[in-house]
Amino acid sequence: MTTYDFAPTLAQATSDLSTAPAASAERARAGVRGAGLVGRFNDWLAVLITRSVGTTWAAYLFVLIALVSLPQAFAAFVEGDTVTGIAWFSQSFLQLVLLPIILVGQNVISTTQDARAQEAELEHAAALQTLLDQQRQLLEAQQNLFTLVAFRRG
């Protein structure tokens, strides 16, 4: 056997290396919440509620709802019942209003991160393509050298 017999061919060296199966979103979701009709319904409902509550308009609506009980809470606070005033502020106002605001913020951050990830993916793909082109050129040169050595040996 010669060294040429062990050298990979161009087709072998540049073949697709991604033969391992990728985990699909469906399999991941089925493993977490179940694959049946109830699991799909729960996913749908959760997404619907999250998208509905996670808007600025929902925050405005919740402010209005919280303000309905503000006069009673303020009156109780003025009369010395600080627990009622603090309870209104923490339970009615903070929880109702901050939830949609936090969800909106998470959506903004997620959109920004998705854009950055997509940009990085394109940069990585371009760099990988450059490396593959360089590897192909090196393998072609190597094959030419092996062919020349095999030809000279006879």
N, C-alpha and C. Protein backbone atom coordinates (compact mmCIF):
# COMPACT_ATOMS: atom_id res chain seq x y z
N MET A 1 0.84 -1.18 0.00
CA MET A 1 0.00 0.00 0.00
C MET A 1 0.88 1.24 0.00
N THR A 2 0.42 2.21 -0.68
CA THR A 2 1.14 3.46 -0.76
C THR A 2 0.42 4.52 0.06
N THR A 3 1.09 5.63 0.24
CA THR A 3 0.48 6.75 0.95
C THR A 3 -0.76 7.22 0.21
N TYR A 4 -0.75 7.12 -1.07
CA TYR A 4 -1.87 7.55 -1.90
C TYR A 4 -3.15 6.79 -1.55
N ASP A 5 -3.01 5.52 -1.15
CA ASP A 5 -4.18 4.71 -0.83
C ASP A 5 -4.89 5.22 0.43
N PHE A 6 -4.17 5.87 1.33
CA PHE A 6 -4.77 6.36 2.57
C PHE A 6 -5.30 7.79 2.45
N ALA A 7 -4.94 8.49 1.40
CA ALA A 7 -5.37 9.87 1.23
C ALA A 7 -6.85 9.91 0.90
N PRO A 8 -7.60 10.77 1.58
CA PRO A 8 -9.03 10.86 1.28
C PRO A 8 -9.25 11.51 -0.08
N THR A 9 -10.28 11.06 -0.73
CA THR A 9 -10.62 11.70 -2.00
C THR A 9 -11.30 13.02 -1.69
N LEU A 10 -11.40 13.84 -2.70
CA LEU A 10 -12.05 15.14 -2.52
C LEU A 10 -13.51 14.96 -2.09
N ALA A 11 -14.18 13.98 -2.65
CA ALA A 11 -15.58 13.74 -2.30
C ALA A 11 -15.72 13.30 -0.85
N GLN A 12 -14.79 12.45 -0.38
CA GLN A 12 -14.85 12.00 1.01
C GLN A 12 -14.58 13.13 1.98
N ALA A 13 -13.63 13.97 1.66
CA ALA A 13 -13.22 15.03 2.58
C ALA A 13 -14.26 16.14 2.68
N THR A 14 -15.00 16.38 1.61
CA THR A 14 -15.94 17.50 1.62
C THR A 14 -17.38 17.03 1.72
N SER A 15 -17.58 15.77 2.11
CA SER A 15 -18.95 15.27 2.24
C SER A 15 -19.64 15.93 3.42
N ASP A 16 -20.94 15.86 3.42
CA ASP A 16 -21.73 16.47 4.49
C ASP A 16 -21.50 15.72 5.78
N LEU A 17 -21.02 16.43 6.80
CA LEU A 17 -20.71 15.80 8.08
C LEU A 17 -21.89 15.80 9.03
N SER A 18 -22.99 16.39 8.63
CA SER A 18 -24.14 16.50 9.54
C SER A 18 -25.07 15.31 9.35
N THR A 19 -24.57 14.13 9.67
CA THR A 19 -25.39 12.94 9.53
C THR A 19 -26.17 12.61 10.79
N ALA A 20 -25.80 13.24 11.91
CA ALA A 20 -26.51 12.99 13.16
C ALA A 20 -27.88 13.66 13.10
N PRO A 21 -28.93 12.95 13.49
CA PRO A 21 -30.26 13.56 13.41
C PRO A 21 -30.41 14.70 14.40
N ALA A 22 -30.99 15.78 13.93
CA ALA A 22 -31.23 16.95 14.79
C ALA A 22 -32.54 16.76 15.55
N ALA A 23 -32.56 17.22 16.79
CA ALA A 23 -33.78 17.13 17.59
C ALA A 23 -34.79 18.13 17.06
N SER A 24 -35.96 17.66 16.75
CA SER A 24 -36.97 18.55 16.21
C SER A 24 -37.74 19.24 17.33
N ALA A 25 -38.35 20.35 16.99
CA ALA A 25 -39.13 21.09 17.98
C ALA A 25 -40.32 20.25 18.45
N GLU A 26 -40.88 19.47 17.56
CA GLU A 26 -42.04 18.64 17.93
C GLU A 26 -41.66 17.60 18.98
N ARG A 27 -40.52 16.94 18.78
CA ARG A 27 -40.09 15.93 19.75
C ARG A 27 -39.77 16.55 21.09
N ALA A 28 -39.15 17.74 21.07
CA ALA A 28 -38.82 18.42 22.33
C ALA A 28 -40.09 18.82 23.05
N ARG A 29 -41.05 19.37 22.32
CA ARG A 29 -42.30 19.80 22.94
C ARG A 29 -43.06 18.59 23.48
N ALA A 30 -43.08 17.50 22.74
CA ALA A 30 -43.78 16.30 23.18
C ALA A 30 -43.15 15.74 24.46
N GLY A 31 -41.84 15.84 24.57
CA GLY A 31 -41.18 15.34 25.76
C GLY A 31 -41.46 16.17 26.99
N VAL A 32 -41.76 17.45 26.81
CA VAL A 32 -41.99 18.33 27.95
C VAL A 32 -43.46 18.36 28.36
N ARG A 33 -44.36 18.55 27.39
CA ARG A 33 -45.76 18.75 27.73
C ARG A 33 -46.69 17.65 27.24
N GLY A 34 -46.18 16.66 26.59
CA GLY A 34 -47.03 15.59 26.07
C GLY A 34 -47.31 15.80 24.60
N ALA A 35 -47.52 14.70 23.91
CA ALA A 35 -47.69 14.77 22.47
C ALA A 35 -49.15 14.74 22.05
N GLY A 36 -50.03 14.56 22.96
CA GLY A 36 -51.44 14.39 22.61
C GLY A 36 -52.15 15.69 22.33
N LEU A 37 -53.44 15.56 22.13
CA LEU A 37 -54.31 16.68 21.84
C LEU A 37 -54.32 17.69 22.99
N VAL A 38 -54.34 17.19 24.22
CA VAL A 38 -54.35 18.07 25.38
C VAL A 38 -53.06 18.89 25.45
N GLY A 39 -51.93 18.27 25.18
CA GLY A 39 -50.65 18.98 25.19
C GLY A 39 -50.60 20.08 24.14
N ARG A 40 -51.10 19.78 22.94
CA ARG A 40 -51.12 20.79 21.87
C ARG A 40 -52.07 21.93 22.22
N PHE A 41 -53.23 21.59 22.82
CA PHE A 41 -54.17 22.63 23.23
C PHE A 41 -53.56 23.53 24.29
N ASN A 42 -52.90 22.92 25.28
CA ASN A 42 -52.26 23.70 26.34
C ASN A 42 -51.20 24.64 25.77
N ASP A 43 -50.42 24.16 24.80
CA ASP A 43 -49.42 25.01 24.16
C ASP A 43 -50.09 26.18 23.46
N TRP A 44 -51.14 25.89 22.70
CA TRP A 44 -51.85 26.93 21.96
C TRP A 44 -52.42 27.98 22.91
N LEU A 45 -53.07 27.52 23.98
CA LEU A 45 -53.67 28.43 24.94
C LEU A 45 -52.62 29.28 25.66
N ALA A 46 -51.51 28.66 26.03
CA ALA A 46 -50.44 29.40 26.71
C ALA A 46 -49.88 30.49 25.81
N VAL A 47 -49.66 30.18 24.54
CA VAL A 47 -49.14 31.18 23.61
C VAL A 47 -50.15 32.29 23.39
N LEU A 48 -51.42 31.94 23.26
CA LEU A 48 -52.46 32.95 23.07
C LEU A 48 -52.54 33.91 24.25
N ILE A 49 -52.56 33.38 25.46
CA ILE A 49 -52.63 34.22 26.65
C ILE A 49 -51.38 35.08 26.79
N THR A 50 -50.21 34.49 26.56
CA THR A 50 -48.96 35.24 26.69
C THR A 50 -48.90 36.38 25.68
N ARG A 51 -49.31 36.11 24.45
CA ARG A 51 -49.30 37.18 23.43
C ARG A 51 -50.34 38.25 23.72
N SER A 52 -51.45 37.87 24.33
CA SER A 52 -52.49 38.85 24.65
C SER A 52 -52.10 39.71 25.84
N VAL A 53 -51.59 39.09 26.88
CA VAL A 53 -51.24 39.82 28.09
C VAL A 53 -49.94 40.59 27.91
N GLY A 54 -49.06 40.10 27.06
CA GLY A 54 -47.75 40.73 26.89
C GLY A 54 -47.76 41.87 25.91
N THR A 55 -48.73 42.78 26.03
CA THR A 55 -48.79 43.96 25.16
C THR A 55 -48.87 45.21 26.01
N THR A 56 -48.51 46.31 25.41
CA THR A 56 -48.61 47.58 26.11
C THR A 56 -50.07 47.93 26.38
N TRP A 57 -50.95 47.55 25.47
CA TRP A 57 -52.38 47.82 25.67
C TRP A 57 -52.91 47.08 26.88
N ALA A 58 -52.43 45.87 27.11
CA ALA A 58 -52.84 45.13 28.31
C ALA A 58 -52.35 45.85 29.56
N ALA A 59 -51.15 46.43 29.50
CA ALA A 59 -50.64 47.19 30.65
C ALA A 59 -51.54 48.39 30.93
N TYR A 60 -51.95 49.10 29.88
CA TYR A 60 -52.87 50.24 30.07
C TYR A 60 -54.19 49.78 30.68
N LEU A 61 -54.73 48.68 30.18
CA LEU A 61 -55.98 48.15 30.71
C LEU A 61 -55.84 47.78 32.19
N PHE A 62 -54.73 47.14 32.54
CA PHE A 62 -54.52 46.73 33.93
C PHE A 62 -54.32 47.95 34.84
N VAL A 63 -53.74 49.03 34.32
CA VAL A 63 -53.64 50.25 35.12
C VAL A 63 -55.04 50.76 35.44
N LEU A 64 -55.90 50.77 34.43
CA LEU A 64 -57.28 51.23 34.66
C LEU A 64 -58.00 50.33 35.67
N ILE A 65 -57.82 49.04 35.55
CA ILE A 65 -58.45 48.11 36.49
C ILE A 65 -57.93 48.35 37.91
N ALA A 66 -56.63 48.55 38.04
CA ALA A 66 -56.04 48.79 39.36
C ALA A 66 -56.52 50.11 39.95
N LEU A 67 -56.74 51.11 39.09
CA LEU A 67 -57.18 52.41 39.58
C LEU A 67 -58.62 52.40 40.09
N VAL A 68 -59.41 51.38 39.72
CA VAL A 68 -60.78 51.28 40.20
C VAL A 68 -60.81 51.18 41.72
N SER A 69 -59.90 50.41 42.28
CA SER A 69 -59.90 50.22 43.73
C SER A 69 -58.99 51.20 44.46
N LEU A 70 -58.36 52.12 43.73
CA LEU A 70 -57.46 53.09 44.37
C LEU A 70 -58.18 53.98 45.40
N PRO A 71 -59.37 54.50 45.11
CA PRO A 71 -60.00 55.37 46.13
C PRO A 71 -60.23 54.67 47.47
N GLN A 72 -60.69 53.42 47.45
CA GLN A 72 -60.89 52.70 48.71
C GLN A 72 -59.56 52.43 49.41
N ALA A 73 -58.54 52.10 48.66
CA ALA A 73 -57.24 51.83 49.26
C ALA A 73 -56.65 53.11 49.84
N PHE A 74 -56.82 54.23 49.12
CA PHE A 74 -56.30 55.49 49.61
C PHE A 74 -57.03 55.94 50.88
N ALA A 75 -58.37 55.76 50.87
CA ALA A 75 -59.15 56.12 52.07
C ALA A 75 -58.72 55.29 53.26
N ALA A 76 -58.50 54.00 53.05
CA ALA A 76 -58.05 53.14 54.15
C ALA A 76 -56.66 53.56 54.62
N PHE A 77 -55.80 53.94 53.69
CA PHE A 77 -54.45 54.36 54.04
C PHE A 77 -54.49 55.65 54.86
N VAL A 78 -55.35 56.59 54.47
CA VAL A 78 -55.48 57.87 55.19
C VAL A 78 -56.02 57.64 56.60
N GLU A 79 -56.90 56.66 56.74
CA GLU A 79 -57.47 56.36 58.06
C GLU A 79 -56.51 55.57 58.95
N GLY A 80 -55.32 55.28 58.45
CA GLY A 80 -54.32 54.60 59.27
C GLY A 80 -54.15 53.13 58.94
N ASP A 81 -54.90 52.62 58.00
CA ASP A 81 -54.78 51.20 57.60
C ASP A 81 -53.72 51.09 56.50
N THR A 82 -52.47 51.09 56.92
CA THR A 82 -51.38 51.04 55.94
C THR A 82 -51.30 49.70 55.23
N VAL A 83 -51.77 48.66 55.88
CA VAL A 83 -51.73 47.32 55.28
C VAL A 83 -52.57 47.30 54.01
N THR A 84 -53.74 47.91 54.04
CA THR A 84 -54.62 47.92 52.86
C THR A 84 -53.97 48.72 51.74
N GLY A 85 -53.37 49.85 52.05
CA GLY A 85 -52.70 50.65 51.02
C GLY A 85 -51.53 49.92 50.40
N ILE A 86 -50.74 49.30 51.24
CA ILE A 86 -49.58 48.55 50.72
C ILE A 86 -50.05 47.32 49.95
N ALA A 87 -51.09 46.66 50.44
CA ALA A 87 -51.62 45.49 49.74
C ALA A 87 -52.16 45.89 48.37
N TRP A 88 -52.85 47.02 48.29
CA TRP A 88 -53.36 47.47 46.98
C TRP A 88 -52.20 47.73 46.05
N PHE A 89 -51.18 48.43 46.55
CA PHE A 89 -50.04 48.78 45.70
C PHE A 89 -49.32 47.53 45.20
N SER A 90 -49.09 46.60 46.09
CA SER A 90 -48.32 45.41 45.70
C SER A 90 -49.15 44.42 44.91
N GLN A 91 -50.38 44.19 45.33
CA GLN A 91 -51.19 43.15 44.68
C GLN A 91 -51.92 43.67 43.45
N SER A 92 -52.55 44.80 43.58
CA SER A 92 -53.34 45.29 42.46
C SER A 92 -52.48 45.98 41.41
N PHE A 93 -51.69 46.92 41.86
CA PHE A 93 -50.97 47.73 40.89
C PHE A 93 -49.72 47.03 40.35
N LEU A 94 -48.81 46.67 41.23
CA LEU A 94 -47.54 46.10 40.76
C LEU A 94 -47.75 44.81 39.96
N GLN A 95 -48.52 43.89 40.49
CA GLN A 95 -48.70 42.61 39.81
C GLN A 95 -49.47 42.76 38.51
N LEU A 96 -50.51 43.56 38.50
CA LEU A 96 -51.29 43.73 37.28
C LEU A 96 -50.54 44.48 36.20
N VAL A 97 -49.84 45.52 36.58
CA VAL A 97 -49.21 46.39 35.58
C VAL A 97 -47.83 45.87 35.16
N LEU A 98 -47.07 45.40 36.11
CA LEU A 98 -45.71 44.98 35.76
C LEU A 98 -45.66 43.71 34.92
N LEU A 99 -46.62 42.82 35.07
CA LEU A 99 -46.61 41.58 34.28
C LEU A 99 -46.59 41.87 32.79
N PRO A 100 -47.53 42.62 32.23
CA PRO A 100 -47.45 42.86 30.79
C PRO A 100 -46.24 43.68 30.38
N ILE A 101 -45.81 44.60 31.24
CA ILE A 101 -44.63 45.40 30.90
C ILE A 101 -43.39 44.51 30.82
N ILE A 102 -43.27 43.57 31.75
CA ILE A 102 -42.14 42.63 31.72
C ILE A 102 -42.21 41.76 30.47
N LEU A 103 -43.40 41.30 30.11
CA LEU A 103 -43.54 40.47 28.91
C LEU A 103 -43.19 41.25 27.65
N VAL A 104 -43.60 42.52 27.58
CA VAL A 104 -43.25 43.34 26.43
C VAL A 104 -41.73 43.51 26.36
N GLY A 105 -41.12 43.77 27.50
CA GLY A 105 -39.65 43.90 27.53
C GLY A 105 -38.96 42.62 27.09
N GLN A 106 -39.47 41.49 27.53
CA GLN A 106 -38.88 40.21 27.11
C GLN A 106 -39.04 40.00 25.61
N ASN A 107 -40.17 40.40 25.06
CA ASN A 107 -40.38 40.28 23.62
C ASN A 107 -39.40 41.15 22.84
N VAL A 108 -39.17 42.36 23.33
CA VAL A 108 -38.22 43.26 22.67
C VAL A 108 -36.81 42.67 22.73
N ILE A 109 -36.43 42.20 23.90
CA ILE A 109 -35.11 41.60 24.06
C ILE A 109 -34.98 40.35 23.18
N SER A 110 -36.01 39.52 23.15
CA SER A 110 -35.98 38.30 22.35
C SER A 110 -35.83 38.61 20.87
N THR A 111 -36.55 39.63 20.40
CA THR A 111 -36.45 40.01 18.99
C THR A 111 -35.05 40.48 18.66
N THR A 112 -34.46 41.27 19.55
CA THR A 112 -33.09 41.75 19.34
C THR A 112 -32.11 40.59 19.33
N GLN A 113 -32.26 39.66 20.27
CA GLN A 113 -31.36 38.51 20.33
C GLN A 113 -31.51 37.61 19.11
N ASP A 114 -32.75 37.45 18.64
CA ASP A 114 -32.97 36.64 17.44
C ASP A 114 -32.27 37.25 16.23
N ALA A 115 -32.35 38.58 16.11
CA ALA A 115 -31.68 39.25 15.00
C ALA A 115 -30.17 39.09 15.08
N ARG A 116 -29.63 39.22 16.29
CA ARG A 116 -28.19 39.04 16.47
C ARG A 116 -27.76 37.61 16.17
N ALA A 117 -28.57 36.65 16.61
CA ALA A 117 -28.24 35.24 16.37
C ALA A 117 -28.27 34.94 14.88
N GLN A 118 -29.24 35.49 14.18
CA GLN A 118 -29.32 35.25 12.74
C GLN A 118 -28.12 35.87 12.03
N GLU A 119 -27.73 37.06 12.45
CA GLU A 119 -26.55 37.71 11.86
C GLU A 119 -25.30 36.89 12.13
N ALA A 120 -25.15 36.39 13.36
CA ALA A 120 -23.98 35.57 13.70
C ALA A 120 -23.99 34.27 12.91
N GLU A 121 -25.17 33.70 12.71
CA GLU A 121 -25.28 32.46 11.95
C GLU A 121 -24.82 32.67 10.50
N LEU A 122 -25.19 33.81 9.92
CA LEU A 122 -24.76 34.12 8.56
C LEU A 122 -23.25 34.32 8.50
N GLU A 123 -22.70 34.99 9.51
CA GLU A 123 -21.25 35.19 9.55
C GLU A 123 -20.52 33.85 9.69
N HIS A 124 -21.05 32.97 10.54
CA HIS A 124 -20.43 31.66 10.73
C HIS A 124 -20.52 30.82 9.46
N ALA A 125 -21.64 30.91 8.77
CA ALA A 125 -21.80 30.16 7.52
C ALA A 125 -20.81 30.65 6.47
N ALA A 126 -20.61 31.97 6.40
CA ALA A 126 -19.65 32.52 5.44
C ALA A 126 -18.23 32.07 5.80
N ALA A 127 -17.89 32.11 7.08
CA ALA A 127 -16.56 31.67 7.50
C ALA A 127 -16.36 30.18 7.22
N LEU A 128 -17.38 29.38 7.49
CA LEU A 128 -17.29 27.95 7.22
C LEU A 128 -17.12 27.69 5.73
N GLN A 129 -17.85 28.43 4.90
CA GLN A 129 -17.72 28.25 3.46
C GLN A 129 -16.31 28.60 3.00
N THR A 130 -15.73 29.65 3.56
CA THR A 130 -14.35 30.03 3.23
C THR A 130 -13.38 28.91 3.61
N LEU A 131 -13.57 28.35 4.80
CA LEU A 131 -12.71 27.24 5.24
C LEU A 131 -12.87 26.02 4.35
N LEU A 132 -14.12 25.72 3.97
CA LEU A 132 -14.35 24.57 3.09
C LEU A 132 -13.71 24.79 1.72
N ASP A 133 -13.77 26.01 1.21
CA ASP A 133 -13.12 26.30 -0.08
C ASP A 133 -11.62 26.13 0.03
N GLN A 134 -11.03 26.62 1.13
CA GLN A 134 -9.60 26.46 1.32
C GLN A 134 -9.23 24.98 1.47
N GLN A 135 -10.07 24.23 2.21
CA GLN A 135 -9.81 22.80 2.37
C GLN A 135 -9.89 22.09 1.03
N ARG A 136 -10.87 22.45 0.23
CA ARG A 136 -11.02 21.83 -1.09
C ARG A 136 -9.79 22.10 -1.95
N GLN A 137 -9.29 23.33 -1.91
CA GLN A 137 -8.09 23.66 -2.68
C GLN A 137 -6.89 22.87 -2.20
N LEU A 138 -6.73 22.75 -0.88
CA LEU A 138 -5.61 21.97 -0.34
C LEU A 138 -5.72 20.50 -0.71
N LEU A 139 -6.93 19.95 -0.66
CA LEU A 139 -7.11 18.53 -1.01
C LEU A 139 -6.86 18.29 -2.50
N GLU A 140 -7.26 19.25 -3.32
CA GLU A 140 -6.98 19.10 -4.76
C GLU A 140 -5.48 19.12 -5.01
N ALA A 141 -4.78 20.04 -4.32
CA ALA A 141 -3.32 20.09 -4.47
C ALA A 141 -2.68 18.81 -3.94
N GLN A 142 -3.20 18.28 -2.83
CA GLN A 142 -2.68 17.04 -2.27
C GLN A 142 -2.91 15.89 -3.23
N GLN A 143 -4.10 15.82 -3.81
CA GLN A 143 -4.38 14.74 -4.77
C GLN A 143 -3.47 14.84 -5.98
N ASN A 144 -3.21 16.06 -6.43
CA ASN A 144 -2.29 16.23 -7.55
C ASN A 144 -0.90 15.74 -7.20
N LEU A 145 -0.45 16.04 -5.98
CA LEU A 145 0.87 15.57 -5.54
C LEU A 145 0.91 14.05 -5.46
N PHE A 146 -0.13 13.44 -4.89
CA PHE A 146 -0.17 11.98 -4.80
C PHE A 146 -0.21 11.33 -6.18
N THR A 147 -0.93 11.94 -7.08
CA THR A 147 -0.99 11.42 -8.45
C THR A 147 0.38 11.51 -9.10
N LEU A 148 1.06 12.64 -8.90
CA LEU A 148 2.40 12.83 -9.46
C LEU A 148 3.38 11.82 -8.87
N VAL A 149 3.34 11.59 -7.54
CA VAL A 149 4.23 10.62 -6.90
C VAL A 149 3.92 9.21 -7.41
N ALA A 150 2.65 8.87 -7.51
CA ALA A 150 2.28 7.54 -8.00
C ALA A 150 2.71 7.36 -9.44
N PHE A 151 2.61 8.41 -10.25
CA PHE A 151 3.01 8.33 -11.65
C PHE A 151 4.51 8.14 -11.79
N ARG A 152 5.29 8.85 -10.95
CA ARG A 152 6.76 8.75 -11.02
C ARG A 152 7.24 7.39 -10.51
N ARG A 153 6.52 6.80 -9.56
CA ARG A 153 6.92 5.49 -9.02
C ARG A 153 6.61 4.38 -10.02
N GLY A 154 5.67 4.70 -10.83
CA GLY A 154 5.49 3.77 -11.86
C GLY A 154 4.34 2.98 -12.03
